[in-house]
Amino acid sequence: MKKPQHWHQWALVALGLACAGLLLVVPLALIFTEALKGGWGLVVASLQADYMLHAIGLTLLAALISVPVNLAFGILLAWCLTHYDFRGRKLLSTFVDIPFATSPVVAGLCYLVVYGVEGIVGRHLAAHDVQVIFAWPGIVLVTIFVTSPYVARILMPLMQSQGSEEEYAALTLGASGWQIFWRVTLPNIKWALLYGVVVTNARAVGEFGAVAVVSGTIMNQTLTLPLLVEQLNNDYKTATAFTAASLLACMALLTLLLKTFMEWRQRRRDAGQVLVATPH
């Protein structure tokens, strides 16, 4: 990678920085500016409101459930697709991308049809006093769906590039499956795995479309933070809406910092491996 040398190269760099500033930095700064316009007292009062605390709790609940589920799912799926050759492998790999290709609103509508009181599964659950749609289980289910590909798609290229020689060597030495995973596989993928967790968590916290369909947007019951921002804005509670938006922005910035740290550690690890492999 080389530095710009000619004026037109510097012009492209300046244009890129200007576009990034106008499209990314300025809107983010405006969110915090509008949230703080009424003073810290209003911000604290907004954060202590019952509906705000409930939205924060529901958002964290969806993330705390969906991230571990997709962590286990992603590891198992990546392992199967990179270590075994079986009939339907390419089809299974294609299925992983369905949440990427499907609109979140369409996904929410599908869950509404299946688990709503009009559907077969929904009627059966309702007969046993189990409510999925317009309740937190539905929010968790659609969040799991939209975040399901991230861990697997991050791990698969890494596992393919590393190969299976170390696992086979450990197997020939008498190691069990769990020992191979904990002592061989996990150390090799830990940073990519943490990166996948960070990205999955960011997607879970910020999900709007699918959650909006299955939640019913009921205040103090089924409003997550993204839904609360829209609801407050529609009710002309602008300051409180920007307070909720700034909270989401802080979560996004924290996720960005963690993502940058993961990438930096991965680059250092790759550079270290190259130095070790280079003959002196």
Protein backbone atom coordinates (compact mmCIF):
# COMPACT_ATOMS: atom_id res chain seq x y z
CA MET A 1 0.00 0.00 0.00
CA LYS A 2 1.48 3.34 -1.06
CA LYS A 3 0.71 6.95 -0.23
CA PRO A 4 -0.99 9.27 -2.74
CA GLN A 5 1.57 11.08 -4.88
CA HIS A 6 -0.37 13.08 -7.48
CA TRP A 7 -2.94 15.80 -6.98
CA HIS A 8 -5.80 13.73 -8.39
CA GLN A 9 -5.03 10.95 -5.91
CA TRP A 10 -5.13 13.43 -3.04
CA ALA A 11 -8.39 14.80 -4.48
CA LEU A 12 -9.93 11.32 -4.36
CA VAL A 13 -8.79 10.92 -0.75
CA ALA A 14 -10.26 14.29 0.18
CA LEU A 15 -13.51 13.43 -1.60
CA GLY A 16 -13.73 10.13 0.27
CA LEU A 17 -13.12 11.83 3.61
CA ALA A 18 -15.71 14.49 2.83
CA CYS A 19 -18.34 11.92 1.88
CA ALA A 20 -17.61 9.86 4.98
CA GLY A 21 -17.88 12.95 7.14
CA LEU A 22 -21.17 14.10 5.62
CA LEU A 23 -22.80 10.67 5.47
CA LEU A 24 -21.47 9.09 8.68
CA VAL A 25 -19.88 11.49 11.14
CA VAL A 26 -22.27 14.45 10.86
CA PRO A 27 -25.49 12.42 11.40
CA LEU A 28 -23.89 10.66 14.37
CA ALA A 29 -22.82 13.98 15.87
CA LEU A 30 -26.32 15.41 15.35
CA ILE A 31 -27.83 12.52 17.29
CA PHE A 32 -25.79 13.36 20.38
CA THR A 33 -26.29 17.11 19.86
CA GLU A 34 -30.08 16.78 19.75
CA ALA A 35 -30.09 14.43 22.72
CA LEU A 36 -28.11 16.91 24.83
CA LYS A 37 -29.98 19.99 23.65
CA GLY A 38 -32.30 19.89 26.66
CA GLY A 39 -29.47 19.35 29.13
CA TRP A 40 -28.21 16.38 31.10
CA GLY A 41 -31.22 16.52 33.42
CA LEU A 42 -33.58 15.70 30.57
CA VAL A 43 -31.28 12.93 29.35
CA VAL A 44 -31.17 11.32 32.80
CA ALA A 45 -34.94 11.65 33.21
CA SER A 46 -35.50 10.05 29.80
CA LEU A 47 -33.18 7.16 30.60
CA GLN A 48 -34.99 6.55 33.91
CA ALA A 49 -38.45 6.40 32.33
CA ASP A 50 -40.24 3.06 32.68
CA TYR A 51 -40.68 2.55 28.94
CA MET A 52 -37.00 3.33 28.33
CA LEU A 53 -35.82 0.85 30.96
CA HIS A 54 -38.19 -1.80 29.61
CA ALA A 55 -36.98 -1.23 26.03
CA ILE A 56 -33.35 -1.48 27.14
CA GLY A 57 -34.07 -4.69 29.05
CA LEU A 58 -35.94 -6.27 26.14
CA THR A 59 -33.19 -5.31 23.68
CA LEU A 60 -30.53 -6.83 25.93
CA LEU A 61 -32.66 -9.95 26.48
CA ALA A 62 -32.97 -10.54 22.73
CA ALA A 63 -29.21 -10.09 22.33
CA LEU A 64 -28.29 -12.24 25.35
CA ILE A 65 -30.34 -15.14 23.99
CA SER A 66 -29.67 -14.84 20.26
CA VAL A 67 -25.89 -14.38 20.49
CA PRO A 68 -25.12 -17.63 22.42
CA VAL A 69 -27.58 -19.59 20.25
CA ASN A 70 -25.97 -18.34 17.04
CA LEU A 71 -22.52 -18.83 18.53
CA ALA A 72 -23.16 -22.55 19.01
CA PHE A 73 -25.04 -22.79 15.70
CA GLY A 74 -22.29 -21.00 13.79
CA ILE A 75 -19.49 -23.17 15.20
CA LEU A 76 -21.35 -26.41 14.45
CA LEU A 77 -22.36 -25.30 10.96
CA ALA A 78 -18.88 -24.01 10.06
CA TRP A 79 -17.33 -27.23 11.36
CA CYS A 80 -19.68 -29.43 9.33
CA LEU A 81 -19.24 -27.44 6.10
CA THR A 82 -15.44 -27.24 6.34
CA HIS A 83 -14.57 -30.68 7.72
CA TYR A 84 -17.03 -33.03 5.98
CA ASP A 85 -17.97 -33.69 2.38
CA PHE A 86 -21.55 -34.97 2.16
CA ARG A 87 -24.49 -34.90 -0.20
CA GLY A 88 -26.36 -31.60 0.14
CA ARG A 89 -23.33 -29.72 1.46
CA LYS A 90 -23.56 -26.95 -1.14
CA LEU A 91 -27.31 -26.68 -0.57
CA LEU A 92 -26.76 -26.31 3.17
CA SER A 93 -24.15 -23.64 2.50
CA THR A 94 -26.70 -21.80 0.36
CA PHE A 95 -29.32 -22.02 3.11
CA VAL A 96 -26.96 -20.18 5.45
CA ASP A 97 -27.33 -17.07 3.28
CA ILE A 98 -31.15 -17.01 3.38
CA PRO A 99 -31.26 -14.39 6.18
CA PHE A 100 -28.89 -12.22 4.11
CA ALA A 101 -31.09 -12.44 1.03
CA THR A 102 -34.46 -12.18 2.78
CA SER A 103 -35.89 -8.83 3.83
CA PRO A 104 -36.28 -8.68 7.62
CA VAL A 105 -39.89 -7.58 7.13
CA VAL A 106 -40.58 -10.68 5.04
CA ALA A 107 -38.90 -12.84 7.68
CA GLY A 108 -41.07 -11.29 10.38
CA LEU A 109 -44.16 -11.88 8.27
CA CYS A 110 -43.23 -15.55 7.83
CA TYR A 111 -42.89 -15.98 11.59
CA LEU A 112 -46.21 -14.17 12.03
CA VAL A 113 -47.91 -16.65 9.69
CA VAL A 114 -46.35 -19.69 11.38
CA TYR A 115 -46.57 -18.70 15.05
CA GLY A 116 -49.59 -16.39 14.99
CA VAL A 117 -52.95 -17.53 16.31
CA GLU A 118 -54.08 -18.11 12.72
CA GLY A 119 -51.28 -20.60 12.02
CA ILE A 120 -51.17 -24.30 12.91
CA VAL A 121 -48.22 -23.95 15.26
CA GLY A 122 -49.64 -20.77 16.77
CA ARG A 123 -53.02 -22.38 17.47
CA HIS A 124 -51.33 -25.33 19.14
CA LEU A 125 -49.21 -23.04 21.31
CA ALA A 126 -52.18 -20.84 22.17
CA ALA A 127 -54.07 -23.92 23.33
CA HIS A 128 -51.28 -24.44 25.88
CA ASP A 129 -51.23 -20.75 26.91
CA VAL A 130 -47.96 -20.06 25.11
CA GLN A 131 -47.81 -16.72 23.29
CA VAL A 132 -45.03 -16.21 20.76
CA ILE A 133 -46.23 -13.40 18.51
CA PHE A 134 -46.70 -9.97 20.12
CA ALA A 135 -44.51 -11.14 23.01
CA TRP A 136 -40.80 -11.44 23.76
CA PRO A 137 -40.41 -15.04 22.43
CA GLY A 138 -41.33 -13.85 18.94
CA ILE A 139 -38.83 -11.01 19.16
CA VAL A 140 -36.10 -13.45 20.21
CA LEU A 141 -36.97 -15.90 17.42
CA VAL A 142 -36.78 -13.34 14.61
CA THR A 143 -33.59 -11.88 16.09
CA ILE A 144 -32.02 -15.33 16.04
CA PHE A 145 -33.10 -15.73 12.41
CA VAL A 146 -31.66 -12.46 11.11
CA THR A 147 -28.37 -12.91 12.99
CA SER A 148 -27.86 -16.61 12.29
CA PRO A 149 -25.37 -16.41 9.36
CA TYR A 150 -22.74 -14.09 10.84
CA VAL A 151 -20.67 -16.41 13.04
CA ALA A 152 -20.74 -19.23 10.49
CA ARG A 153 -19.76 -16.98 7.56
CA ILE A 154 -16.87 -15.47 9.51
CA LEU A 155 -15.54 -18.85 10.68
CA MET A 156 -15.85 -20.80 7.44
CA PRO A 157 -13.09 -19.07 5.41
CA LEU A 158 -10.72 -19.25 8.38
CA MET A 159 -11.38 -22.95 9.00
CA GLN A 160 -10.94 -23.72 5.31
CA SER A 161 -7.61 -21.89 5.15
CA GLN A 162 -6.30 -23.58 8.31
CA GLY A 163 -7.23 -27.08 7.18
CA SER A 164 -7.74 -30.12 9.41
CA GLU A 165 -4.19 -31.40 9.81
CA GLU A 166 -3.83 -30.30 13.43
CA GLU A 167 -7.15 -31.88 14.42
CA TYR A 168 -6.22 -35.16 12.69
CA ALA A 169 -2.82 -35.14 14.40
CA ALA A 170 -4.47 -34.68 17.79
CA LEU A 171 -6.91 -37.48 16.97
CA THR A 172 -4.11 -39.90 16.12
CA LEU A 173 -2.48 -39.05 19.46
CA GLY A 174 -5.60 -40.20 21.28
CA ALA A 175 -7.33 -36.89 22.00
CA SER A 176 -11.11 -36.93 22.38
CA GLY A 177 -13.45 -34.73 20.39
CA TRP A 178 -13.83 -32.21 23.19
CA GLN A 179 -10.09 -32.10 23.78
CA ILE A 180 -9.48 -31.44 20.10
CA PHE A 181 -12.02 -28.63 20.10
CA TRP A 182 -10.84 -26.90 23.30
CA ARG A 183 -7.09 -27.29 22.79
CA VAL A 184 -6.66 -27.20 19.00
CA THR A 185 -9.65 -25.75 17.18
CA LEU A 186 -10.77 -23.05 19.61
CA PRO A 187 -7.33 -21.39 20.04
CA ASN A 188 -7.02 -21.14 16.26
CA ILE A 189 -10.41 -19.48 15.75
CA LYS A 190 -10.87 -17.54 18.99
CA TRP A 191 -10.34 -14.06 17.54
CA ALA A 192 -12.56 -14.72 14.54
CA LEU A 193 -15.12 -16.18 16.92
CA LEU A 194 -15.07 -13.09 19.12
CA TYR A 195 -15.37 -10.94 16.01
CA GLY A 196 -18.43 -12.93 14.98
CA VAL A 197 -19.95 -12.46 18.43
CA VAL A 198 -19.41 -8.69 18.24
CA VAL A 199 -21.00 -8.42 14.79
CA THR A 200 -23.91 -10.68 15.79
CA ASN A 201 -24.56 -8.64 18.90
CA ALA A 202 -24.55 -5.41 16.91
CA ARG A 203 -27.08 -6.83 14.46
CA ALA A 204 -29.27 -8.16 17.27
CA VAL A 205 -29.35 -4.86 19.15
CA GLY A 206 -30.18 -2.81 16.07
CA GLU A 207 -32.75 -5.08 14.40
CA PHE A 208 -35.91 -3.21 13.42
CA GLY A 209 -37.87 -4.68 10.50
CA ALA A 210 -38.50 -8.25 11.62
CA VAL A 211 -39.05 -7.22 15.24
CA ALA A 212 -41.55 -4.54 14.20
CA VAL A 213 -43.72 -7.16 12.46
CA VAL A 214 -43.89 -9.69 15.30
CA SER A 215 -43.84 -7.33 18.29
CA GLY A 216 -47.04 -5.38 17.81
CA THR A 217 -45.15 -2.30 19.14
CA ILE A 218 -46.87 -2.38 22.53
CA MET A 219 -45.49 0.21 24.94
CA ASN A 220 -43.85 -1.28 28.05
CA GLN A 221 -44.31 -4.79 26.61
CA THR A 222 -42.80 -5.37 23.17
CA LEU A 223 -40.84 -2.24 22.29
CA THR A 224 -37.11 -2.68 21.78
CA LEU A 225 -34.86 0.37 21.56
CA PRO A 226 -35.05 0.75 17.75
CA LEU A 227 -38.85 0.50 17.88
CA LEU A 228 -38.98 2.92 20.80
CA VAL A 229 -37.07 5.53 18.79
CA GLU A 230 -39.69 5.42 16.04
CA GLN A 231 -42.59 5.40 18.51
CA LEU A 232 -41.27 8.42 20.43
CA ASN A 233 -40.57 10.30 17.22
CA ASN A 234 -44.10 9.62 15.98
CA ASP A 235 -45.42 10.93 19.32
CA TYR A 236 -43.36 14.13 18.86
CA LYS A 237 -41.18 13.35 21.90
CA THR A 238 -38.10 14.35 19.97
CA ALA A 239 -35.68 14.83 22.86
CA THR A 240 -36.47 11.42 24.35
CA ALA A 241 -36.31 9.82 20.90
CA PHE A 242 -32.82 11.21 20.36
CA THR A 243 -31.83 10.02 23.83
CA ALA A 244 -32.81 6.46 22.88
CA ALA A 245 -31.06 6.89 19.53
CA SER A 246 -27.90 8.13 21.24
CA LEU A 247 -27.95 5.06 23.47
CA LEU A 248 -28.09 2.87 20.36
CA ALA A 249 -25.30 4.95 18.84
CA CYS A 250 -23.14 4.39 21.93
CA MET A 251 -23.71 0.64 21.60
CA ALA A 252 -22.73 0.87 17.93
CA LEU A 253 -19.56 2.82 18.74
CA LEU A 254 -18.61 0.31 21.41
CA THR A 255 -19.16 -2.48 18.91
CA LEU A 256 -17.00 -0.63 16.38
CA LEU A 257 -14.19 -0.28 18.91
CA LEU A 258 -14.36 -3.98 19.76
CA LYS A 259 -14.42 -4.87 16.05
CA THR A 260 -11.37 -2.69 15.40
CA PHE A 261 -9.55 -4.29 18.31
CA MET A 262 -10.35 -7.79 17.01
CA GLU A 263 -9.07 -6.91 13.54
CA TRP A 264 -5.90 -5.41 15.02
CA ARG A 265 -5.22 -8.52 17.09
CA GLN A 266 -5.86 -10.73 14.07
CA ARG A 267 -3.43 -8.70 11.94
CA ARG A 268 -0.79 -8.95 14.67
CA ARG A 269 -1.35 -12.69 14.90
CA ASP A 270 -1.09 -13.12 11.12
CA ALA A 271 2.05 -10.97 11.02
CA GLY A 272 3.59 -13.04 13.82
CA GLN A 273 2.86 -16.24 11.94
CA VAL A 274 4.48 -14.84 8.80
CA LEU A 275 7.61 -13.86 10.75
CA VAL A 276 7.85 -17.30 12.32
CA ALA A 277 7.38 -19.02 8.97
CA THR A 278 9.95 -16.79 7.20
CA PRO A 279 13.39 -18.44 7.17
CA HIS A 280 16.29 -16.33 8.51
